[in-house]
Amino acid sequence: RKYHPDVNPGDKKAEEEFKKVNAAFEILS
């Protein structure tokens, strides 16, 4: 929710963090 692109439009750094969060969850879940 914090880094979702809809919450941070145009924020590339937030977009990268969002991708890392998804990748981490894919493995740890």
PDB file of all heavy atoms in Angstrom:
ATOM      1  N   ARG A   1       0.834  -1.211   0.000  1.00  0.00           N
ATOM      2  CA  ARG A   1       0.000   0.000   0.000  1.00  0.00           C
ATOM      3  C   ARG A   1       0.870   1.264   0.000  1.00  0.00           C
ATOM      4  O   ARG A   1       0.567   2.244  -0.669  1.00  0.00           O
ATOM      5  CB  ARG A   1      -0.920   0.006   1.233  1.00  0.00           C
ATOM      6  CG  ARG A   1      -2.096  -0.921   1.142  1.00  0.00           C
ATOM      7  CD  ARG A   1      -3.128  -0.604   2.202  1.00  0.00           C
ATOM      8  NE  ARG A   1      -2.601  -0.767   3.557  1.00  0.00           N
ATOM      9  CZ  ARG A   1      -2.671  -1.867   4.258  1.00  0.00           C
ATOM     10  NH1 ARG A   1      -3.268  -2.938   3.751  1.00  0.00           N
ATOM     11  NH2 ARG A   1      -2.164  -1.932   5.484  1.00  0.00           N
ATOM     12  N   LYS A   2       1.964   1.212   0.756  1.00  0.00           N
ATOM     13  CA  LYS A   2       2.839   2.388   0.867  1.00  0.00           C
ATOM     14  C   LYS A   2       3.493   2.739  -0.460  1.00  0.00           C
ATOM     15  O   LYS A   2       3.590   3.921  -0.825  1.00  0.00           O
ATOM     16  CB  LYS A   2       3.911   2.121   1.921  1.00  0.00           C
ATOM     17  CG  LYS A   2       4.910   3.261   2.089  1.00  0.00           C
ATOM     18  CD  LYS A   2       5.936   2.922   3.157  1.00  0.00           C
ATOM     19  CE  LYS A   2       6.971   4.043   3.293  1.00  0.00           C
ATOM     20  NZ  LYS A   2       7.992   3.701   4.332  1.00  0.00           N
ATOM     21  N   TYR A   3       3.943   1.723  -1.203  1.00  0.00           N
ATOM     22  CA  TYR A   3       4.719   1.980  -2.414  1.00  0.00           C
ATOM     23  C   TYR A   3       3.932   1.781  -3.713  1.00  0.00           C
ATOM     24  O   TYR A   3       4.495   1.900  -4.794  1.00  0.00           O
ATOM     25  CB  TYR A   3       5.947   1.058  -2.445  1.00  0.00           C
ATOM     26  CG  TYR A   3       6.928   1.325  -1.342  1.00  0.00           C
ATOM     27  CD1 TYR A   3       7.180   0.367  -0.360  1.00  0.00           C
ATOM     28  CD2 TYR A   3       7.616   2.534  -1.275  1.00  0.00           C
ATOM     29  CE1 TYR A   3       8.078   0.604   0.672  1.00  0.00           C
ATOM     30  CE2 TYR A   3       8.524   2.776  -0.246  1.00  0.00           C
ATOM     31  CZ  TYR A   3       8.751   1.817   0.720  1.00  0.00           C
ATOM     32  OH  TYR A   3       9.655   2.065   1.726  1.00  0.00           O
ATOM     33  N   HIS A   4       2.647   1.474  -3.603  1.00  0.00           N
ATOM     34  CA  HIS A   4       1.871   1.202  -4.818  1.00  0.00           C
ATOM     35  C   HIS A   4       1.894   2.420  -5.751  1.00  0.00           C
ATOM     36  O   HIS A   4       1.766   3.569  -5.307  1.00  0.00           O
ATOM     37  CB  HIS A   4       0.425   0.860  -4.454  1.00  0.00           C
ATOM     38  CG  HIS A   4      -0.302   0.169  -5.559  1.00  0.00           C
ATOM     39  ND1 HIS A   4      -0.776   0.822  -6.666  1.00  0.00           N
ATOM     40  CD2 HIS A   4      -0.618  -1.146  -5.728  1.00  0.00           C
ATOM     41  CE1 HIS A   4      -1.369  -0.035  -7.473  1.00  0.00           C
ATOM     42  NE2 HIS A   4      -1.283  -1.245  -6.924  1.00  0.00           N
ATOM     43  N   PRO A   5       2.088   2.182  -7.056  1.00  0.00           N
ATOM     44  CA  PRO A   5       2.153   3.286  -8.030  1.00  0.00           C
ATOM     45  C   PRO A   5       0.936   4.193  -8.032  1.00  0.00           C
ATOM     46  O   PRO A   5       1.047   5.387  -8.350  1.00  0.00           O
ATOM     47  CB  PRO A   5       2.298   2.553  -9.370  1.00  0.00           C
ATOM     48  CG  PRO A   5       2.958   1.261  -9.011  1.00  0.00           C
ATOM     49  CD  PRO A   5       2.396   0.883  -7.688  1.00  0.00           C
ATOM     50  N   ASP A   6      -0.224   3.650  -7.680  1.00  0.00           N
ATOM     51  CA  ASP A   6      -1.418   4.487  -7.643  1.00  0.00           C
ATOM     52  C   ASP A   6      -1.345   5.515  -6.516  1.00  0.00           C
ATOM     53  O   ASP A   6      -1.950   6.585  -6.591  1.00  0.00           O
ATOM     54  CB  ASP A   6      -2.668   3.617  -7.453  1.00  0.00           C
ATOM     55  CG  ASP A   6      -2.973   2.802  -8.700  1.00  0.00           C
ATOM     56  OD1 ASP A   6      -2.377   3.090  -9.751  1.00  0.00           O
ATOM     57  OD2 ASP A   6      -3.794   1.865  -8.610  1.00  0.00           O
ATOM     58  N   VAL A   7      -0.620   5.166  -5.467  1.00  0.00           N
ATOM     59  CA  VAL A   7      -0.445   6.081  -4.338  1.00  0.00           C
ATOM     60  C   VAL A   7       0.722   7.037  -4.588  1.00  0.00           C
ATOM     61  O   VAL A   7       0.767   8.148  -4.046  1.00  0.00           O
ATOM     62  CB  VAL A   7      -0.196   5.278  -3.035  1.00  0.00           C
ATOM     63  CG1 VAL A   7      -0.024   6.207  -1.839  1.00  0.00           C
ATOM     64  CG2 VAL A   7      -1.338   4.305  -2.790  1.00  0.00           C
ATOM     65  N   ASN A   8       1.659   6.606  -5.440  1.00  0.00           N
ATOM     66  CA  ASN A   8       2.862   7.410  -5.730  1.00  0.00           C
ATOM     67  C   ASN A   8       3.023   7.598  -7.231  1.00  0.00           C
ATOM     68  O   ASN A   8       3.996   7.108  -7.833  1.00  0.00           O
ATOM     69  CB  ASN A   8       4.109   6.711  -5.160  1.00  0.00           C
ATOM     70  CG  ASN A   8       3.995   6.391  -3.695  1.00  0.00           C
ATOM     71  OD1 ASN A   8       4.290   7.214  -2.843  1.00  0.00           O
ATOM     72  ND2 ASN A   8       3.561   5.164  -3.385  1.00  0.00           N
ATOM     73  N   PRO A   9       2.088   8.258  -7.883  1.00  0.00           N
ATOM     74  CA  PRO A   9       2.162   8.403  -9.350  1.00  0.00           C
ATOM     75  C   PRO A   9       3.430   9.137  -9.792  1.00  0.00           C
ATOM     76  O   PRO A   9       3.770  10.192  -9.263  1.00  0.00           O
ATOM     77  CB  PRO A   9       0.901   9.221  -9.679  1.00  0.00           C
ATOM     78  CG  PRO A   9       0.531   9.908  -8.408  1.00  0.00           C
ATOM     79  CD  PRO A   9       0.938   8.984  -7.303  1.00  0.00           C
ATOM     80  N   GLY A  10       4.138   8.511 -10.740  1.00  0.00           N
ATOM     81  CA  GLY A  10       5.341   9.135 -11.289  1.00  0.00           C
ATOM     82  C   GLY A  10       6.570   9.009 -10.426  1.00  0.00           C
ATOM     83  O   GLY A  10       7.648   9.492 -10.799  1.00  0.00           O
ATOM     84  N   ASP A  11       6.471   8.352  -9.277  1.00  0.00           N
ATOM     85  CA  ASP A  11       7.608   8.212  -8.365  1.00  0.00           C
ATOM     86  C   ASP A  11       8.360   6.916  -8.705  1.00  0.00           C
ATOM     87  O   ASP A  11       7.942   5.823  -8.343  1.00  0.00           O
ATOM     88  CB  ASP A  11       7.113   8.168  -6.917  1.00  0.00           C
ATOM     89  CG  ASP A  11       8.267   8.235  -5.909  1.00  0.00           C
ATOM     90  OD1 ASP A  11       9.382   7.822  -6.254  1.00  0.00           O
ATOM     91  OD2 ASP A  11       8.023   8.676  -4.770  1.00  0.00           O
ATOM     92  N   LYS A  12       9.473   7.049  -9.412  1.00  0.00           N
ATOM     93  CA  LYS A  12      10.241   5.883  -9.860  1.00  0.00           C
ATOM     94  C   LYS A  12      10.824   5.094  -8.687  1.00  0.00           C
ATOM     95  O   LYS A  12      10.904   3.867  -8.726  1.00  0.00           O
ATOM     96  CB  LYS A  12      11.368   6.319 -10.804  1.00  0.00           C
ATOM     97  CG  LYS A  12      10.884   6.878 -12.132  1.00  0.00           C
ATOM     98  CD  LYS A  12      10.170   5.796 -12.937  1.00  0.00           C
ATOM     99  CE  LYS A  12       9.717   6.312 -14.288  1.00  0.00           C
ATOM    100  NZ  LYS A  12       8.978   5.262 -15.045  1.00  0.00           N
ATOM    101  N   LYS A  13      11.256   5.818  -7.662  1.00  0.00           N
ATOM    102  CA  LYS A  13      11.841   5.144  -6.503  1.00  0.00           C
ATOM    103  C   LYS A  13      10.798   4.270  -5.805  1.00  0.00           C
ATOM    104  O   LYS A  13      11.075   3.131  -5.415  1.00  0.00           O
ATOM    105  CB  LYS A  13      12.407   6.167  -5.520  1.00  0.00           C
ATOM    106  CG  LYS A  13      13.151   5.549  -4.355  1.00  0.00           C
ATOM    107  CD  LYS A  13      13.787   6.617  -3.475  1.00  0.00           C
ATOM    108  CE  LYS A  13      14.544   5.969  -2.305  1.00  0.00           C
ATOM    109  NZ  LYS A  13      15.173   6.982  -1.422  1.00  0.00           N
ATOM    110  N   ALA A  14       9.589   4.807  -5.659  1.00  0.00           N
ATOM    111  CA  ALA A  14       8.507   4.035  -5.033  1.00  0.00           C
ATOM    112  C   ALA A  14       8.146   2.833  -5.901  1.00  0.00           C
ATOM    113  O   ALA A  14       7.855   1.740  -5.389  1.00  0.00           O
ATOM    114  CB  ALA A  14       7.279   4.916  -4.823  1.00  0.00           C
ATOM    115  N   GLU A  15       8.201   3.023  -7.204  1.00  0.00           N
ATOM    116  CA  GLU A  15       7.901   1.922  -8.127  1.00  0.00           C
ATOM    117  C   GLU A  15       8.905   0.781  -7.969  1.00  0.00           C
ATOM    118  O   GLU A  15       8.533  -0.398  -7.958  1.00  0.00           O
ATOM    119  CB  GLU A  15       7.914   2.434  -9.564  1.00  0.00           C
ATOM    120  CG  GLU A  15       7.549   1.380 -10.598  1.00  0.00           C
ATOM    121  CD  GLU A  15       7.526   1.934 -12.008  1.00  0.00           C
ATOM    122  OE1 GLU A  15       7.453   3.179 -12.166  1.00  0.00           O
ATOM    123  OE2 GLU A  15       7.603   1.125 -12.953  1.00  0.00           O
ATOM    124  N   GLU A  16      10.185   1.135  -7.824  1.00  0.00           N
ATOM    125  CA  GLU A  16      11.222   0.115  -7.635  1.00  0.00           C
ATOM    126  C   GLU A  16      11.033  -0.609  -6.300  1.00  0.00           C
ATOM    127  O   GLU A  16      11.207  -1.826  -6.207  1.00  0.00           O
ATOM    128  CB  GLU A  16      12.619   0.751  -7.700  1.00  0.00           C
ATOM    129  CG  GLU A  16      13.027   1.209  -9.089  1.00  0.00           C
ATOM    130  CD  GLU A  16      13.012   0.071 -10.096  1.00  0.00           C
ATOM    131  OE1 GLU A  16      13.517  -1.027  -9.759  1.00  0.00           O
ATOM    132  OE2 GLU A  16      12.500   0.267 -11.207  1.00  0.00           O
ATOM    133  N   GLU A  17      10.682   0.163  -5.258  1.00  0.00           N
ATOM    134  CA  GLU A  17      10.445  -0.452  -3.957  1.00  0.00           C
ATOM    135  C   GLU A  17       9.249  -1.401  -4.022  1.00  0.00           C
ATOM    136  O   GLU A  17       9.257  -2.475  -3.412  1.00  0.00           O
ATOM    137  CB  GLU A  17      10.189   0.628  -2.898  1.00  0.00           C
ATOM    138  CG  GLU A  17      11.405   1.450  -2.531  1.00  0.00           C
ATOM    139  CD  GLU A  17      12.496   0.614  -1.887  1.00  0.00           C
ATOM    140  OE1 GLU A  17      12.170  -0.351  -1.154  1.00  0.00           O
ATOM    141  OE2 GLU A  17      13.683   0.907  -2.128  1.00  0.00           O
ATOM    142  N   PHE A  18       8.223  -1.017  -4.770  1.00  0.00           N
ATOM    143  CA  PHE A  18       7.033  -1.848  -4.939  1.00  0.00           C
ATOM    144  C   PHE A  18       7.398  -3.178  -5.596  1.00  0.00           C
ATOM    145  O   PHE A  18       6.925  -4.247  -5.188  1.00  0.00           O
ATOM    146  CB  PHE A  18       5.997  -1.101  -5.779  1.00  0.00           C
ATOM    147  CG  PHE A  18       4.705  -1.849  -5.974  1.00  0.00           C
ATOM    148  CD1 PHE A  18       3.814  -2.010  -4.926  1.00  0.00           C
ATOM    149  CD2 PHE A  18       4.386  -2.387  -7.207  1.00  0.00           C
ATOM    150  CE1 PHE A  18       2.616  -2.697  -5.100  1.00  0.00           C
ATOM    151  CE2 PHE A  18       3.194  -3.080  -7.392  1.00  0.00           C
ATOM    152  CZ  PHE A  18       2.316  -3.233  -6.335  1.00  0.00           C
ATOM    153  N   LYS A  19       8.279  -3.119  -6.599  1.00  0.00           N
ATOM    154  CA  LYS A  19       8.720  -4.340  -7.277  1.00  0.00           C
ATOM    155  C   LYS A  19       9.512  -5.230  -6.326  1.00  0.00           C
ATOM    156  O   LYS A  19       9.350  -6.456  -6.326  1.00  0.00           O
ATOM    157  CB  LYS A  19       9.566  -3.987  -8.503  1.00  0.00           C
ATOM    158  CG  LYS A  19       8.787  -3.324  -9.635  1.00  0.00           C
ATOM    159  CD  LYS A  19       9.713  -2.951 -10.784  1.00  0.00           C
ATOM    160  CE  LYS A  19       8.941  -2.268 -11.910  1.00  0.00           C
ATOM    161  NZ  LYS A  19       9.847  -1.852 -13.020  1.00  0.00           N
ATOM    162  N   LYS A  20      10.388  -4.623  -5.518  1.00  0.00           N
ATOM    163  CA  LYS A  20      11.189  -5.408  -4.572  1.00  0.00           C
ATOM    164  C   LYS A  20      10.307  -6.068  -3.515  1.00  0.00           C
ATOM    165  O   LYS A  20      10.532  -7.213  -3.121  1.00  0.00           O
ATOM    166  CB  LYS A  20      12.237  -4.505  -3.897  1.00  0.00           C
ATOM    167  CG  LYS A  20      13.374  -4.086  -4.824  1.00  0.00           C
ATOM    168  CD  LYS A  20      14.576  -3.578  -4.051  1.00  0.00           C
ATOM    169  CE  LYS A  20      14.281  -2.286  -3.322  1.00  0.00           C
ATOM    170  NZ  LYS A  20      15.516  -1.749  -2.659  1.00  0.00           N
ATOM    171  N   VAL A  21       9.285  -5.340  -3.072  1.00  0.00           N
ATOM    172  CA  VAL A  21       8.364  -5.883  -2.070  1.00  0.00           C
ATOM    173  C   VAL A  21       7.622  -7.092  -2.635  1.00  0.00           C
ATOM    174  O   VAL A  21       7.468  -8.124  -1.971  1.00  0.00           O
ATOM    175  CB  VAL A  21       7.377  -4.792  -1.612  1.00  0.00           C
ATOM    176  CG1 VAL A  21       6.191  -5.410  -0.874  1.00  0.00           C
ATOM    177  CG2 VAL A  21       8.072  -3.776  -0.719  1.00  0.00           C
ATOM    178  N   ASN A  22       7.171  -6.979  -3.882  1.00  0.00           N
ATOM    179  CA  ASN A  22       6.463  -8.099  -4.520  1.00  0.00           C
ATOM    180  C   ASN A  22       7.375  -9.308  -4.688  1.00  0.00           C
ATOM    181  O   ASN A  22       6.962 -10.448  -4.462  1.00  0.00           O
ATOM    182  CB  ASN A  22       5.919  -7.662  -5.889  1.00  0.00           C
ATOM    183  CG  ASN A  22       4.580  -6.958  -5.784  1.00  0.00           C
ATOM    184  OD1 ASN A  22       3.647  -7.468  -5.185  1.00  0.00           O
ATOM    185  ND2 ASN A  22       4.478  -5.785  -6.366  1.00  0.00           N
ATOM    186  N   ALA A  23       8.625  -9.059  -5.120  1.00  0.00           N
ATOM    187  CA  ALA A  23       9.573 -10.154  -5.320  1.00  0.00           C
ATOM    188  C   ALA A  23       9.894 -10.848  -3.992  1.00  0.00           C
ATOM    189  O   ALA A  23       9.994 -12.076  -3.934  1.00  0.00           O
ATOM    190  CB  ALA A  23      10.852  -9.625  -5.963  1.00  0.00           C
ATOM    191  N   ALA A  24      10.042 -10.060  -2.918  1.00  0.00           N
ATOM    192  CA  ALA A  24      10.334 -10.634  -1.612  1.00  0.00           C
ATOM    193  C   ALA A  24       9.168 -11.485  -1.107  1.00  0.00           C
ATOM    194  O   ALA A  24       9.360 -12.592  -0.583  1.00  0.00           O
ATOM    195  CB  ALA A  24      10.641  -9.522  -0.611  1.00  0.00           C
ATOM    196  N   PHE A  25       7.959 -10.982  -1.294  1.00  0.00           N
ATOM    197  CA  PHE A  25       6.779 -11.712  -0.824  1.00  0.00           C
ATOM    198  C   PHE A  25       6.591 -13.010  -1.602  1.00  0.00           C
ATOM    199  O   PHE A  25       6.173 -14.031  -1.039  1.00  0.00           O
ATOM    200  CB  PHE A  25       5.537 -10.836  -0.949  1.00  0.00           C
ATOM    201  CG  PHE A  25       4.281 -11.498  -0.451  1.00  0.00           C
ATOM    202  CD1 PHE A  25       4.089 -11.721   0.906  1.00  0.00           C
ATOM    203  CD2 PHE A  25       3.296 -11.906  -1.337  1.00  0.00           C
ATOM    204  CE1 PHE A  25       2.931 -12.345   1.373  1.00  0.00           C
ATOM    205  CE2 PHE A  25       2.142 -12.532  -0.878  1.00  0.00           C
ATOM    206  CZ  PHE A  25       1.964 -12.746   0.476  1.00  0.00           C
ATOM    207  N   GLU A  26       6.905 -12.983  -2.900  1.00  0.00           N
ATOM    208  CA  GLU A  26       6.764 -14.184  -3.730  1.00  0.00           C
ATOM    209  C   GLU A  26       7.582 -15.342  -3.152  1.00  0.00           C
ATOM    210  O   GLU A  26       7.157 -16.491  -3.166  1.00  0.00           O
ATOM    211  CB  GLU A  26       7.231 -13.899  -5.162  1.00  0.00           C
ATOM    212  CG  GLU A  26       7.150 -15.117  -6.073  1.00  0.00           C
ATOM    213  CD  GLU A  26       7.814 -14.884  -7.416  1.00  0.00           C
ATOM    214  OE1 GLU A  26       8.249 -13.754  -7.691  1.00  0.00           O
ATOM    215  OE2 GLU A  26       7.910 -15.860  -8.178  1.00  0.00           O
ATOM    216  N   ILE A  27       8.757 -15.038  -2.622  1.00  0.00           N
ATOM    217  CA  ILE A  27       9.635 -16.078  -2.074  1.00  0.00           C
ATOM    218  C   ILE A  27       9.272 -16.412  -0.631  1.00  0.00           C
ATOM    219  O   ILE A  27       9.125 -17.586  -0.266  1.00  0.00           O
ATOM    220  CB  ILE A  27      11.113 -15.636  -2.182  1.00  0.00           C
ATOM    221  CG1 ILE A  27      11.516 -15.546  -3.655  1.00  0.00           C
ATOM    222  CG2 ILE A  27      12.029 -16.593  -1.424  1.00  0.00           C
ATOM    223  CD1 ILE A  27      12.880 -14.938  -3.883  1.00  0.00           C
ATOM    224  N   LEU A  28       9.118 -15.399   0.208  1.00  0.00           N
ATOM    225  CA  LEU A  28       8.895 -15.647   1.632  1.00  0.00           C
ATOM    226  C   LEU A  28       7.501 -16.170   1.953  1.00  0.00           C
ATOM    227  O   LEU A  28       7.276 -16.712   3.036  1.00  0.00           O
ATOM    228  CB  LEU A  28       9.159 -14.362   2.433  1.00  0.00           C
ATOM    229  CG  LEU A  28      10.587 -13.814   2.343  1.00  0.00           C
ATOM    230  CD1 LEU A  28      10.742 -12.609   3.261  1.00  0.00           C
ATOM    231  CD2 LEU A  28      11.608 -14.883   2.701  1.00  0.00           C
ATOM    232  N   SER A  29       6.562 -16.032   1.026  1.00  0.00           N
ATOM    233  CA  SER A  29       5.217 -16.563   1.251  1.00  0.00           C
ATOM    234  C   SER A  29       5.109 -18.024   0.832  1.00  0.00           C
ATOM    235  O   SER A  29       4.102 -18.684   1.109  1.00  0.00           O
ATOM    236  CB  SER A  29       4.177 -15.735   0.473  1.00  0.00           C
ATOM    237  OG  SER A  29       4.405 -15.824  -0.925  1.00  0.00           O
TER     238      SER A  29
END
